[in-house]
Amino acid sequence: MCKMGSVALKVNEIFYSIQGESTQAGLPCVFVRLTGCNLRCVWCDTTYAFHEGHSMEIGEIIEQVATHGCRLVEITGGEPLLQREAIPLMQALLDAGYDVLVETGGSLPIEEVPAGVRRVVDVKCPGSGEESGNRWENLAHLRAGDELKFVLADRRDYDWAAGQIRGRGLADFCPVLFSPVADKLDPGELAGWVLGDRLPVRVQLQLHKLLWPGVLRGV
């Protein structure tokens, strides 16, 4: 069996910033962005992560994470679960005492993600162009601490998402997050729809984009 430190992943960037989304929004966080994605959402703001990156062993990643002195770490992408080596990376971070999040596009199985990792699972709306990529079987594997996120581009996306929440009882599984596509859907309008329909969801903005407008990387 190979040593953990010799397991390598393709990493796009590692940076220290403010958690901009999820129920952890506002907290300092170290982000490990992995290279590669199997989806092509039309509103994607991290297309640079599709191909750019370099090989790093798990030991190297943890050493770089440790330099930031922060216990909250998010594994993101791209699509982090596209690299199977992300699973031992998450376990190694847990073993080192970190609080670990993973944000996944929801098209790949989540059941192998180690217990103790909080999973933020995207549900792709029609406006993303990737609705067919939703792996609904993942719902059966949700556990305490997980979250579901819908990124909404317009009223059609909102109505579709509201139908999924009601029809599948999604708010009974875990917290549900509604995030408007930047420059496409007015956050106040989205909030008004949620209030009018009394949906049990959390409206969230991308806090990092409000703190550092126009900055695309490292935040």
N, C-alpha and C. Protein backbone atom coordinates (compact mmCIF):
# COMPACT_ATOMS: atom_id res chain seq x y z
N MET A 1 0.85 -1.20 0.00
CA MET A 1 0.00 0.00 0.00
C MET A 1 0.89 1.25 0.00
N CYS A 2 0.54 2.24 -0.81
CA CYS A 2 1.35 3.45 -0.87
C CYS A 2 1.11 4.31 0.36
N LYS A 3 2.11 5.09 0.71
CA LYS A 3 1.96 6.01 1.84
C LYS A 3 1.05 7.15 1.43
N MET A 4 0.32 7.70 2.42
CA MET A 4 -0.64 8.76 2.13
C MET A 4 0.02 9.93 1.42
N GLY A 5 1.23 10.27 1.85
CA GLY A 5 1.89 11.44 1.28
C GLY A 5 2.22 11.28 -0.18
N SER A 6 2.27 10.04 -0.69
CA SER A 6 2.64 9.81 -2.08
C SER A 6 1.43 9.81 -3.02
N VAL A 7 0.23 9.93 -2.47
CA VAL A 7 -0.98 10.03 -3.29
C VAL A 7 -1.07 11.46 -3.82
N ALA A 8 -1.15 11.63 -5.14
CA ALA A 8 -1.11 12.97 -5.74
C ALA A 8 -2.44 13.35 -6.37
N LEU A 9 -2.71 14.64 -6.35
CA LEU A 9 -3.89 15.20 -6.99
C LEU A 9 -3.45 16.36 -7.87
N LYS A 10 -4.29 16.72 -8.84
CA LYS A 10 -4.04 17.90 -9.64
C LYS A 10 -4.76 19.07 -8.99
N VAL A 11 -3.99 20.05 -8.52
CA VAL A 11 -4.52 21.16 -7.73
C VAL A 11 -4.45 22.44 -8.55
N ASN A 12 -5.54 23.16 -8.61
CA ASN A 12 -5.58 24.44 -9.32
C ASN A 12 -5.03 25.57 -8.47
N GLU A 13 -5.46 25.64 -7.21
CA GLU A 13 -4.98 26.68 -6.31
C GLU A 13 -5.33 26.33 -4.87
N ILE A 14 -4.53 26.85 -3.95
CA ILE A 14 -4.82 26.77 -2.52
C ILE A 14 -4.71 28.19 -1.99
N PHE A 15 -5.76 28.66 -1.33
CA PHE A 15 -5.74 30.04 -0.86
C PHE A 15 -6.56 30.18 0.43
N TYR A 16 -6.31 31.27 1.13
CA TYR A 16 -6.95 31.59 2.40
C TYR A 16 -7.87 32.78 2.19
N SER A 17 -9.13 32.64 2.54
CA SER A 17 -10.09 33.71 2.28
C SER A 17 -11.24 33.60 3.27
N ILE A 18 -12.28 34.36 3.00
CA ILE A 18 -13.53 34.30 3.78
C ILE A 18 -14.47 33.33 3.07
N GLN A 19 -15.05 32.41 3.83
CA GLN A 19 -16.04 31.51 3.25
C GLN A 19 -17.21 32.35 2.75
N GLY A 20 -17.46 32.28 1.44
CA GLY A 20 -18.45 33.16 0.84
C GLY A 20 -19.84 32.58 0.74
N GLU A 21 -19.96 31.25 0.91
CA GLU A 21 -21.25 30.59 0.74
C GLU A 21 -21.44 29.53 1.81
N SER A 22 -22.56 28.85 1.76
CA SER A 22 -22.92 27.79 2.71
C SER A 22 -23.30 28.39 4.06
N THR A 23 -23.68 27.54 5.00
CA THR A 23 -24.03 28.02 6.34
C THR A 23 -22.79 28.46 7.11
N GLN A 24 -21.61 28.25 6.55
CA GLN A 24 -20.35 28.70 7.16
C GLN A 24 -19.92 30.06 6.63
N ALA A 25 -20.77 30.73 5.85
CA ALA A 25 -20.41 32.02 5.25
C ALA A 25 -19.94 33.01 6.30
N GLY A 26 -18.87 33.70 5.97
CA GLY A 26 -18.31 34.71 6.86
C GLY A 26 -17.12 34.24 7.66
N LEU A 27 -16.90 32.93 7.71
CA LEU A 27 -15.79 32.39 8.48
C LEU A 27 -14.51 32.33 7.65
N PRO A 28 -13.35 32.59 8.26
CA PRO A 28 -12.09 32.36 7.55
C PRO A 28 -11.98 30.89 7.15
N CYS A 29 -11.41 30.64 5.97
CA CYS A 29 -11.38 29.28 5.43
C CYS A 29 -10.21 29.14 4.47
N VAL A 30 -9.60 27.97 4.46
CA VAL A 30 -8.59 27.63 3.46
C VAL A 30 -9.29 26.82 2.37
N PHE A 31 -9.11 27.24 1.13
CA PHE A 31 -9.73 26.57 0.00
C PHE A 31 -8.68 25.78 -0.78
N VAL A 32 -9.00 24.53 -1.04
CA VAL A 32 -8.18 23.70 -1.92
C VAL A 32 -9.01 23.44 -3.17
N ARG A 33 -8.66 24.14 -4.24
CA ARG A 33 -9.42 24.01 -5.49
C ARG A 33 -8.73 22.99 -6.39
N LEU A 34 -9.45 21.91 -6.67
CA LEU A 34 -8.91 20.86 -7.52
C LEU A 34 -9.25 21.12 -8.98
N THR A 35 -8.41 20.60 -9.86
CA THR A 35 -8.57 20.81 -11.30
C THR A 35 -9.54 19.78 -11.89
N GLY A 36 -10.33 20.24 -12.86
CA GLY A 36 -11.18 19.35 -13.62
C GLY A 36 -12.65 19.47 -13.26
N CYS A 37 -13.51 19.35 -14.26
CA CYS A 37 -14.96 19.34 -14.03
C CYS A 37 -15.63 18.61 -15.18
N ASN A 38 -16.62 17.81 -14.85
CA ASN A 38 -17.35 17.06 -15.87
C ASN A 38 -18.60 17.80 -16.34
N LEU A 39 -18.90 18.96 -15.76
CA LEU A 39 -20.07 19.76 -16.14
C LEU A 39 -19.60 21.08 -16.75
N ARG A 40 -20.50 21.74 -17.44
CA ARG A 40 -20.20 23.04 -18.05
C ARG A 40 -21.39 23.97 -17.83
N CYS A 41 -21.63 24.34 -16.60
CA CYS A 41 -22.73 25.27 -16.28
C CYS A 41 -22.48 26.60 -16.97
N VAL A 42 -23.53 27.16 -17.56
CA VAL A 42 -23.35 28.35 -18.39
C VAL A 42 -22.92 29.56 -17.58
N TRP A 43 -23.21 29.57 -16.27
CA TRP A 43 -22.85 30.72 -15.44
C TRP A 43 -21.58 30.48 -14.63
N CYS A 44 -20.83 29.42 -14.92
CA CYS A 44 -19.66 29.06 -14.12
C CYS A 44 -18.67 30.22 -14.02
N ASP A 45 -18.19 30.46 -12.81
CA ASP A 45 -17.22 31.55 -12.59
C ASP A 45 -15.82 31.02 -12.27
N THR A 46 -15.61 29.73 -12.46
CA THR A 46 -14.28 29.15 -12.21
C THR A 46 -13.84 28.28 -13.39
N THR A 47 -14.09 28.77 -14.60
CA THR A 47 -13.72 27.98 -15.77
C THR A 47 -12.21 27.75 -15.86
N TYR A 48 -11.44 28.61 -15.21
CA TYR A 48 -9.99 28.43 -15.21
C TYR A 48 -9.57 27.14 -14.51
N ALA A 49 -10.47 26.58 -13.72
CA ALA A 49 -10.15 25.34 -13.00
C ALA A 49 -10.43 24.09 -13.84
N PHE A 50 -10.96 24.25 -15.03
CA PHE A 50 -11.25 23.09 -15.86
C PHE A 50 -9.98 22.32 -16.21
N HIS A 51 -8.90 23.05 -16.47
CA HIS A 51 -7.68 22.40 -16.96
C HIS A 51 -6.41 22.83 -16.22
N GLU A 52 -6.37 24.07 -15.72
CA GLU A 52 -5.13 24.57 -15.10
C GLU A 52 -4.86 23.88 -13.77
N GLY A 53 -3.62 23.55 -13.52
CA GLY A 53 -3.26 22.97 -12.23
C GLY A 53 -1.93 22.25 -12.29
N HIS A 54 -1.49 21.79 -11.12
CA HIS A 54 -0.23 21.05 -11.05
C HIS A 54 -0.37 19.95 -10.01
N SER A 55 0.46 18.93 -10.14
CA SER A 55 0.38 17.77 -9.26
C SER A 55 0.95 18.09 -7.88
N MET A 56 0.21 17.70 -6.84
CA MET A 56 0.67 17.85 -5.47
C MET A 56 0.32 16.59 -4.69
N GLU A 57 1.25 16.12 -3.87
CA GLU A 57 0.96 14.99 -3.00
C GLU A 57 0.15 15.47 -1.81
N ILE A 58 -0.58 14.56 -1.20
CA ILE A 58 -1.44 14.92 -0.07
C ILE A 58 -0.63 15.58 1.04
N GLY A 59 0.55 15.04 1.30
CA GLY A 59 1.39 15.64 2.35
C GLY A 59 1.73 17.09 2.03
N GLU A 60 2.02 17.39 0.76
CA GLU A 60 2.33 18.76 0.36
C GLU A 60 1.12 19.67 0.54
N ILE A 61 -0.05 19.16 0.17
CA ILE A 61 -1.27 19.95 0.31
C ILE A 61 -1.51 20.31 1.77
N ILE A 62 -1.39 19.33 2.65
CA ILE A 62 -1.64 19.58 4.07
C ILE A 62 -0.60 20.54 4.64
N GLU A 63 0.65 20.43 4.19
CA GLU A 63 1.67 21.37 4.65
C GLU A 63 1.33 22.79 4.24
N GLN A 64 0.85 22.97 3.02
CA GLN A 64 0.50 24.31 2.56
C GLN A 64 -0.74 24.83 3.28
N VAL A 65 -1.72 23.96 3.50
CA VAL A 65 -2.91 24.35 4.27
C VAL A 65 -2.50 24.83 5.66
N ALA A 66 -1.57 24.12 6.27
CA ALA A 66 -1.16 24.43 7.65
C ALA A 66 -0.52 25.80 7.78
N THR A 67 0.06 26.32 6.71
CA THR A 67 0.73 27.62 6.80
C THR A 67 -0.25 28.75 7.08
N HIS A 68 -1.54 28.53 6.85
CA HIS A 68 -2.54 29.58 7.02
C HIS A 68 -3.12 29.63 8.44
N GLY A 69 -2.85 28.62 9.25
CA GLY A 69 -3.30 28.64 10.64
C GLY A 69 -4.81 28.72 10.80
N CYS A 70 -5.54 28.03 9.94
CA CYS A 70 -7.00 28.06 9.96
C CYS A 70 -7.51 26.63 9.97
N ARG A 71 -8.53 26.36 10.82
CA ARG A 71 -9.00 24.98 10.98
C ARG A 71 -10.10 24.60 10.01
N LEU A 72 -10.71 25.57 9.33
CA LEU A 72 -11.77 25.27 8.38
C LEU A 72 -11.18 25.17 6.98
N VAL A 73 -11.42 24.04 6.31
CA VAL A 73 -10.88 23.80 4.97
C VAL A 73 -12.01 23.34 4.06
N GLU A 74 -12.06 23.93 2.87
CA GLU A 74 -13.04 23.48 1.88
C GLU A 74 -12.31 22.90 0.67
N ILE A 75 -12.74 21.71 0.24
CA ILE A 75 -12.28 21.11 -1.00
C ILE A 75 -13.30 21.46 -2.06
N THR A 76 -12.85 22.11 -3.14
CA THR A 76 -13.77 22.59 -4.15
C THR A 76 -13.16 22.39 -5.53
N GLY A 77 -13.76 22.96 -6.55
CA GLY A 77 -13.28 22.78 -7.91
C GLY A 77 -13.72 23.94 -8.78
N GLY A 78 -13.97 23.67 -10.05
CA GLY A 78 -14.14 22.38 -10.65
C GLY A 78 -15.09 21.45 -9.89
N GLU A 79 -14.88 20.18 -10.15
CA GLU A 79 -15.62 19.13 -9.46
C GLU A 79 -14.61 18.28 -8.69
N PRO A 80 -14.53 18.48 -7.36
CA PRO A 80 -13.50 17.78 -6.59
C PRO A 80 -13.63 16.26 -6.58
N LEU A 81 -14.85 15.74 -6.68
CA LEU A 81 -15.02 14.29 -6.62
C LEU A 81 -14.64 13.61 -7.93
N LEU A 82 -14.29 14.40 -8.95
CA LEU A 82 -13.83 13.81 -10.20
C LEU A 82 -12.48 13.11 -10.00
N GLN A 83 -11.72 13.57 -9.03
CA GLN A 83 -10.45 12.93 -8.69
C GLN A 83 -10.68 12.02 -7.47
N ARG A 84 -10.55 10.73 -7.65
CA ARG A 84 -10.81 9.80 -6.56
C ARG A 84 -9.84 10.01 -5.39
N GLU A 85 -8.69 10.60 -5.68
CA GLU A 85 -7.72 10.88 -4.63
C GLU A 85 -8.21 11.95 -3.65
N ALA A 86 -9.31 12.63 -4.01
CA ALA A 86 -9.88 13.62 -3.09
C ALA A 86 -10.40 12.95 -1.82
N ILE A 87 -10.79 11.68 -1.92
CA ILE A 87 -11.32 10.97 -0.74
C ILE A 87 -10.22 10.80 0.31
N PRO A 88 -9.05 10.24 -0.02
CA PRO A 88 -7.99 10.17 0.99
C PRO A 88 -7.48 11.53 1.44
N LEU A 89 -7.55 12.54 0.58
CA LEU A 89 -7.17 13.88 1.01
C LEU A 89 -8.09 14.37 2.12
N MET A 90 -9.39 14.21 1.93
CA MET A 90 -10.35 14.65 2.96
C MET A 90 -10.14 13.89 4.26
N GLN A 91 -9.89 12.59 4.17
CA GLN A 91 -9.65 11.80 5.38
C GLN A 91 -8.38 12.26 6.09
N ALA A 92 -7.35 12.57 5.31
CA ALA A 92 -6.10 13.03 5.91
C ALA A 92 -6.29 14.37 6.62
N LEU A 93 -7.10 15.24 6.05
CA LEU A 93 -7.38 16.53 6.70
C LEU A 93 -8.17 16.32 7.98
N LEU A 94 -9.15 15.44 7.95
CA LEU A 94 -9.89 15.11 9.17
C LEU A 94 -8.95 14.56 10.24
N ASP A 95 -8.08 13.65 9.83
CA ASP A 95 -7.16 13.04 10.78
C ASP A 95 -6.21 14.07 11.39
N ALA A 96 -5.94 15.14 10.63
CA ALA A 96 -5.07 16.20 11.12
C ALA A 96 -5.81 17.22 11.99
N GLY A 97 -7.11 17.02 12.17
CA GLY A 97 -7.88 17.87 13.07
C GLY A 97 -8.60 19.02 12.42
N TYR A 98 -8.69 19.03 11.10
CA TYR A 98 -9.38 20.12 10.41
C TYR A 98 -10.88 19.87 10.32
N ASP A 99 -11.65 20.97 10.27
CA ASP A 99 -13.07 20.91 9.92
C ASP A 99 -13.12 20.99 8.40
N VAL A 100 -13.74 20.00 7.77
CA VAL A 100 -13.64 19.88 6.31
C VAL A 100 -15.01 19.98 5.65
N LEU A 101 -15.07 20.81 4.61
CA LEU A 101 -16.23 20.92 3.73
C LEU A 101 -15.82 20.44 2.35
N VAL A 102 -16.77 19.92 1.60
CA VAL A 102 -16.55 19.67 0.18
C VAL A 102 -17.77 20.19 -0.56
N GLU A 103 -17.52 20.94 -1.64
CA GLU A 103 -18.62 21.39 -2.49
C GLU A 103 -18.57 20.63 -3.80
N THR A 104 -19.65 19.93 -4.10
CA THR A 104 -19.71 19.09 -5.29
C THR A 104 -20.90 19.49 -6.16
N GLY A 105 -20.73 19.30 -7.47
CA GLY A 105 -21.78 19.66 -8.42
C GLY A 105 -22.98 18.74 -8.40
N GLY A 106 -22.92 17.65 -7.67
CA GLY A 106 -24.08 16.79 -7.50
C GLY A 106 -24.31 15.76 -8.58
N SER A 107 -23.35 15.62 -9.50
CA SER A 107 -23.53 14.65 -10.58
C SER A 107 -22.80 13.34 -10.31
N LEU A 108 -21.98 13.31 -9.27
CA LEU A 108 -21.18 12.13 -8.95
C LEU A 108 -21.58 11.58 -7.58
N PRO A 109 -21.34 10.29 -7.32
CA PRO A 109 -21.72 9.71 -6.03
C PRO A 109 -21.01 10.40 -4.87
N ILE A 110 -21.76 10.61 -3.78
CA ILE A 110 -21.19 11.28 -2.61
C ILE A 110 -20.97 10.33 -1.44
N GLU A 111 -21.39 9.07 -1.58
CA GLU A 111 -21.39 8.19 -0.41
C GLU A 111 -20.00 7.83 0.09
N GLU A 112 -18.96 7.96 -0.74
CA GLU A 112 -17.62 7.62 -0.30
C GLU A 112 -16.93 8.76 0.43
N VAL A 113 -17.55 9.94 0.44
CA VAL A 113 -16.96 11.06 1.19
C VAL A 113 -16.93 10.67 2.66
N PRO A 114 -15.77 10.81 3.33
CA PRO A 114 -15.64 10.33 4.71
C PRO A 114 -16.65 10.97 5.67
N ALA A 115 -17.11 10.16 6.61
CA ALA A 115 -17.95 10.69 7.68
C ALA A 115 -17.17 11.78 8.41
N GLY A 116 -17.86 12.86 8.72
CA GLY A 116 -17.19 13.99 9.36
C GLY A 116 -16.98 15.15 8.41
N VAL A 117 -17.01 14.88 7.09
CA VAL A 117 -16.92 15.93 6.09
C VAL A 117 -18.31 16.46 5.81
N ARG A 118 -18.48 17.76 5.86
CA ARG A 118 -19.76 18.37 5.53
C ARG A 118 -19.84 18.58 4.02
N ARG A 119 -20.86 17.99 3.42
CA ARG A 119 -20.99 18.02 1.97
C ARG A 119 -22.02 19.08 1.55
N VAL A 120 -21.58 19.99 0.68
CA VAL A 120 -22.49 20.96 0.07
C VAL A 120 -22.74 20.47 -1.35
N VAL A 121 -23.96 20.01 -1.60
CA VAL A 121 -24.29 19.35 -2.86
C VAL A 121 -25.14 20.28 -3.71
N ASP A 122 -24.62 20.66 -4.87
CA ASP A 122 -25.39 21.50 -5.78
C ASP A 122 -26.50 20.69 -6.45
N VAL A 123 -27.64 21.34 -6.64
CA VAL A 123 -28.71 20.78 -7.46
C VAL A 123 -28.81 21.69 -8.68
N LYS A 124 -28.55 21.15 -9.86
CA LYS A 124 -28.46 21.97 -11.05
C LYS A 124 -29.84 22.29 -11.62
N CYS A 125 -30.13 23.59 -11.70
CA CYS A 125 -31.40 24.07 -12.24
C CYS A 125 -31.35 24.11 -13.76
N PRO A 126 -32.50 24.23 -14.43
CA PRO A 126 -32.52 24.27 -15.90
C PRO A 126 -31.62 25.34 -16.49
N GLY A 127 -31.55 26.51 -15.83
CA GLY A 127 -30.75 27.61 -16.35
C GLY A 127 -29.27 27.34 -16.39
N SER A 128 -28.82 26.32 -15.68
CA SER A 128 -27.40 25.97 -15.70
C SER A 128 -27.00 25.27 -16.98
N GLY A 129 -27.99 24.67 -17.66
CA GLY A 129 -27.71 23.85 -18.82
C GLY A 129 -27.28 22.43 -18.46
N GLU A 130 -27.26 22.11 -17.17
CA GLU A 130 -26.79 20.80 -16.70
C GLU A 130 -27.80 20.09 -15.82
N GLU A 131 -29.09 20.42 -15.99
CA GLU A 131 -30.13 19.78 -15.18
C GLU A 131 -30.07 18.26 -15.28
N SER A 132 -29.76 17.74 -16.46
CA SER A 132 -29.74 16.29 -16.65
C SER A 132 -28.61 15.62 -15.87
N GLY A 133 -27.67 16.41 -15.37
CA GLY A 133 -26.55 15.84 -14.63
C GLY A 133 -26.85 15.55 -13.18
N ASN A 134 -28.01 15.98 -12.69
CA ASN A 134 -28.33 15.76 -11.27
C ASN A 134 -28.39 14.26 -10.97
N ARG A 135 -27.68 13.86 -9.92
CA ARG A 135 -27.72 12.46 -9.49
C ARG A 135 -28.64 12.39 -8.27
N TRP A 136 -29.91 12.16 -8.53
CA TRP A 136 -30.90 12.22 -7.46
C TRP A 136 -30.68 11.12 -6.42
N GLU A 137 -29.96 10.07 -6.79
CA GLU A 137 -29.66 9.01 -5.82
C GLU A 137 -28.86 9.54 -4.63
N ASN A 138 -28.18 10.67 -4.82
CA ASN A 138 -27.40 11.23 -3.72
C ASN A 138 -28.27 11.64 -2.53
N LEU A 139 -29.54 11.92 -2.79
CA LEU A 139 -30.43 12.35 -1.69
C LEU A 139 -30.51 11.29 -0.60
N ALA A 140 -30.44 10.04 -0.99
CA ALA A 140 -30.54 8.95 -0.01
C ALA A 140 -29.31 8.87 0.88
N HIS A 141 -28.25 9.57 0.51
CA HIS A 141 -27.00 9.49 1.26
C HIS A 141 -26.70 10.76 2.05
N LEU A 142 -27.63 11.72 2.05
CA LEU A 142 -27.43 12.93 2.83
C LEU A 142 -27.44 12.61 4.32
N ARG A 143 -26.65 13.35 5.09
CA ARG A 143 -26.58 13.12 6.52
C ARG A 143 -26.52 14.46 7.24
N ALA A 144 -26.62 14.40 8.56
CA ALA A 144 -26.58 15.63 9.37
C ALA A 144 -25.31 16.42 9.04
N GLY A 145 -25.47 17.71 8.82
CA GLY A 145 -24.34 18.56 8.49
C GLY A 145 -24.21 18.87 7.01
N ASP A 146 -24.88 18.07 6.17
CA ASP A 146 -24.85 18.33 4.73
C ASP A 146 -25.77 19.49 4.37
N GLU A 147 -25.57 20.02 3.16
CA GLU A 147 -26.39 21.13 2.67
C GLU A 147 -26.69 20.92 1.19
N LEU A 148 -27.83 21.43 0.73
CA LEU A 148 -28.17 21.43 -0.69
C LEU A 148 -28.17 22.87 -1.19
N LYS A 149 -27.59 23.10 -2.36
CA LYS A 149 -27.51 24.45 -2.90
C LYS A 149 -28.10 24.50 -4.31
N PHE A 150 -28.96 25.49 -4.53
CA PHE A 150 -29.52 25.77 -5.85
C PHE A 150 -28.98 27.12 -6.30
N VAL A 151 -28.37 27.18 -7.47
CA VAL A 151 -27.96 28.45 -8.07
C VAL A 151 -29.01 28.81 -9.11
N LEU A 152 -29.63 29.98 -8.94
CA LEU A 152 -30.81 30.36 -9.73
C LEU A 152 -30.49 31.52 -10.66
N ALA A 153 -30.86 31.35 -11.93
CA ALA A 153 -30.61 32.39 -12.92
C ALA A 153 -31.83 33.26 -13.19
N ASP A 154 -33.05 32.74 -12.92
CA ASP A 154 -34.26 33.48 -13.26
C ASP A 154 -35.47 32.86 -12.56
N ARG A 155 -36.65 33.39 -12.86
CA ARG A 155 -37.88 32.92 -12.23
C ARG A 155 -38.15 31.45 -12.59
N ARG A 156 -37.81 31.06 -13.81
CA ARG A 156 -38.02 29.67 -14.20
C ARG A 156 -37.21 28.74 -13.30
N ASP A 157 -35.97 29.10 -13.03
CA ASP A 157 -35.15 28.30 -12.12
C ASP A 157 -35.77 28.26 -10.73
N TYR A 158 -36.27 29.42 -10.29
CA TYR A 158 -36.87 29.48 -8.95
C TYR A 158 -38.08 28.55 -8.86
N ASP A 159 -38.97 28.63 -9.83
CA ASP A 159 -40.17 27.78 -9.79
C ASP A 159 -39.79 26.30 -9.84
N TRP A 160 -38.80 25.97 -10.65
CA TRP A 160 -38.34 24.58 -10.73
C TRP A 160 -37.78 24.13 -9.38
N ALA A 161 -36.93 24.97 -8.77
CA ALA A 161 -36.33 24.62 -7.49
C ALA A 161 -37.38 24.49 -6.39
N ALA A 162 -38.33 25.42 -6.38
CA ALA A 162 -39.40 25.35 -5.38
C ALA A 162 -40.19 24.06 -5.54
N GLY A 163 -40.42 23.65 -6.79
CA GLY A 163 -41.13 22.39 -7.04
C GLY A 163 -40.35 21.19 -6.54
N GLN A 164 -39.04 21.21 -6.72
CA GLN A 164 -38.21 20.11 -6.22
C GLN A 164 -38.23 20.04 -4.70
N ILE A 165 -38.19 21.19 -4.06
CA ILE A 165 -38.18 21.23 -2.59
C ILE A 165 -39.49 20.68 -2.04
N ARG A 166 -40.58 21.12 -2.64
CA ARG A 166 -41.90 20.66 -2.16
C ARG A 166 -42.13 19.20 -2.53
N GLY A 167 -41.84 18.85 -3.78
CA GLY A 167 -42.14 17.50 -4.25
C GLY A 167 -41.28 16.43 -3.62
N ARG A 168 -40.04 16.75 -3.30
CA ARG A 168 -39.12 15.77 -2.74
C ARG A 168 -38.90 15.96 -1.24
N GLY A 169 -39.54 16.98 -0.66
CA GLY A 169 -39.36 17.24 0.77
C GLY A 169 -37.92 17.52 1.13
N LEU A 170 -37.21 18.28 0.28
CA LEU A 170 -35.78 18.46 0.45
C LEU A 170 -35.41 19.18 1.74
N ALA A 171 -36.26 20.10 2.19
CA ALA A 171 -35.94 20.83 3.42
C ALA A 171 -35.99 19.93 4.64
N ASP A 172 -36.54 18.74 4.49
CA ASP A 172 -36.55 17.79 5.60
C ASP A 172 -35.22 17.06 5.74
N PHE A 173 -34.41 17.09 4.67
CA PHE A 173 -33.12 16.39 4.69
C PHE A 173 -32.05 17.22 5.38
N CYS A 174 -31.94 18.48 5.00
CA CYS A 174 -30.84 19.31 5.45
C CYS A 174 -31.11 20.76 5.04
N PRO A 175 -30.28 21.73 5.47
CA PRO A 175 -30.47 23.11 5.03
C PRO A 175 -30.43 23.23 3.51
N VAL A 176 -31.29 24.08 2.96
CA VAL A 176 -31.35 24.32 1.53
C VAL A 176 -30.98 25.78 1.27
N LEU A 177 -30.05 25.99 0.35
CA LEU A 177 -29.53 27.32 0.05
C LEU A 177 -29.95 27.75 -1.34
N PHE A 178 -30.43 28.99 -1.47
CA PHE A 178 -30.75 29.58 -2.76
C PHE A 178 -29.74 30.69 -3.04
N SER A 179 -29.03 30.60 -4.15
CA SER A 179 -28.02 31.59 -4.50
C SER A 179 -28.31 32.16 -5.88
N PRO A 180 -28.50 33.49 -6.02
CA PRO A 180 -28.75 34.06 -7.34
C PRO A 180 -27.48 34.15 -8.16
N VAL A 181 -27.59 33.89 -9.47
CA VAL A 181 -26.45 34.08 -10.35
C VAL A 181 -26.11 35.56 -10.38
N ALA A 182 -24.84 35.88 -10.12
CA ALA A 182 -24.41 37.27 -10.09
C ALA A 182 -24.70 37.96 -11.43
N ASP A 183 -25.28 39.15 -11.35
CA ASP A 183 -25.59 39.97 -12.52
C ASP A 183 -26.68 39.39 -13.42
N LYS A 184 -27.35 38.34 -12.94
CA LYS A 184 -28.44 37.74 -13.72
C LYS A 184 -29.77 37.84 -12.99
N LEU A 185 -29.75 37.59 -11.68
CA LEU A 185 -30.98 37.60 -10.88
C LEU A 185 -30.78 38.52 -9.69
N ASP A 186 -31.67 39.49 -9.55
CA ASP A 186 -31.58 40.44 -8.44
C ASP A 186 -31.84 39.73 -7.11
N PRO A 187 -30.91 39.84 -6.15
CA PRO A 187 -31.09 39.14 -4.87
C PRO A 187 -32.34 39.55 -4.13
N GLY A 188 -32.70 40.83 -4.21
CA GLY A 188 -33.90 41.29 -3.53
C GLY A 188 -35.16 40.68 -4.12
N GLU A 189 -35.16 40.52 -5.44
CA GLU A 189 -36.31 39.89 -6.09
C GLU A 189 -36.42 38.43 -5.65
N LEU A 190 -35.28 37.74 -5.61
CA LEU A 190 -35.28 36.35 -5.14
C LEU A 190 -35.79 36.27 -3.71
N ALA A 191 -35.33 37.16 -2.86
CA ALA A 191 -35.78 37.15 -1.46
C ALA A 191 -37.29 37.36 -1.38
N GLY A 192 -37.81 38.24 -2.24
CA GLY A 192 -39.25 38.48 -2.25
C GLY A 192 -40.04 37.25 -2.63
N TRP A 193 -39.54 36.51 -3.60
CA TRP A 193 -40.23 35.26 -4.00
C TRP A 193 -40.23 34.26 -2.85
N VAL A 194 -39.09 34.12 -2.19
CA VAL A 194 -38.98 33.18 -1.07
C VAL A 194 -39.94 33.56 0.05
N LEU A 195 -40.00 34.85 0.37
CA LEU A 195 -40.90 35.30 1.43
C LEU A 195 -42.36 35.09 1.03
N GLY A 196 -42.66 35.42 -0.23
CA GLY A 196 -44.04 35.27 -0.69
C GLY A 196 -44.52 33.84 -0.65
N ASP A 197 -43.63 32.90 -0.95
CA ASP A 197 -44.00 31.48 -0.97
C ASP A 197 -43.72 30.77 0.34
N ARG A 198 -43.11 31.50 1.28
CA ARG A 198 -42.78 30.93 2.59
C ARG A 198 -41.96 29.63 2.45
N LEU A 199 -41.01 29.69 1.55
CA LEU A 199 -40.15 28.53 1.35
C LEU A 199 -39.15 28.41 2.51
N PRO A 200 -38.91 27.22 3.02
CA PRO A 200 -37.96 27.02 4.13
C PRO A 200 -36.53 26.91 3.62
N VAL A 201 -36.04 27.99 2.99
CA VAL A 201 -34.70 27.99 2.42
C VAL A 201 -33.94 29.21 2.92
N ARG A 202 -32.64 29.15 2.75
CA ARG A 202 -31.76 30.27 3.13
C ARG A 202 -31.31 30.96 1.85
N VAL A 203 -31.61 32.27 1.71
CA VAL A 203 -31.11 33.06 0.59
C VAL A 203 -29.68 33.47 0.92
N GLN A 204 -28.75 33.15 0.02
CA GLN A 204 -27.36 33.50 0.28
C GLN A 204 -26.76 34.24 -0.90
N LEU A 205 -25.91 35.18 -0.60
CA LEU A 205 -25.14 35.88 -1.61
C LEU A 205 -23.71 35.36 -1.57
N GLN A 206 -22.98 35.57 -2.64
CA GLN A 206 -21.57 35.17 -2.65
C GLN A 206 -20.78 36.28 -1.97
N LEU A 207 -20.56 36.10 -0.68
CA LEU A 207 -19.96 37.14 0.16
C LEU A 207 -18.61 37.59 -0.37
N HIS A 208 -17.82 36.66 -0.88
CA HIS A 208 -16.49 37.02 -1.37
C HIS A 208 -16.56 37.99 -2.54
N LYS A 209 -17.64 37.90 -3.35
CA LYS A 209 -17.78 38.82 -4.48
C LYS A 209 -18.19 40.22 -4.02
N LEU A 210 -18.85 40.29 -2.87
CA LEU A 210 -19.20 41.60 -2.30
C LEU A 210 -17.98 42.24 -1.64
N LEU A 211 -17.14 41.42 -1.02
CA LEU A 211 -15.95 41.93 -0.34
C LEU A 211 -14.87 42.36 -1.33
N TRP A 212 -14.72 41.57 -2.41
CA TRP A 212 -13.66 41.84 -3.39
C TRP A 212 -14.24 41.81 -4.80
N PRO A 213 -15.05 42.82 -5.16
CA PRO A 213 -15.69 42.82 -6.48
C PRO A 213 -14.68 42.83 -7.61
N GLY A 214 -14.94 41.99 -8.59
CA GLY A 214 -14.07 41.94 -9.76
C GLY A 214 -12.87 41.03 -9.63
N VAL A 215 -12.61 40.55 -8.41
CA VAL A 215 -11.47 39.64 -8.21
C VAL A 215 -11.96 38.21 -8.47
N LEU A 216 -11.32 37.53 -9.39
CA LEU A 216 -11.80 36.22 -9.82
C LEU A 216 -11.08 35.06 -9.15
N ARG A 217 -9.84 35.25 -8.75
CA ARG A 217 -9.06 34.15 -8.18
C ARG A 217 -8.59 34.48 -6.77
N GLY A 218 -8.38 33.43 -6.01
CA GLY A 218 -7.80 33.61 -4.68
C GLY A 218 -8.74 34.19 -3.66
N VAL A 219 -10.05 34.20 -3.94
CA VAL A 219 -11.01 34.69 -2.96
C VAL A 219 -12.17 33.69 -2.85
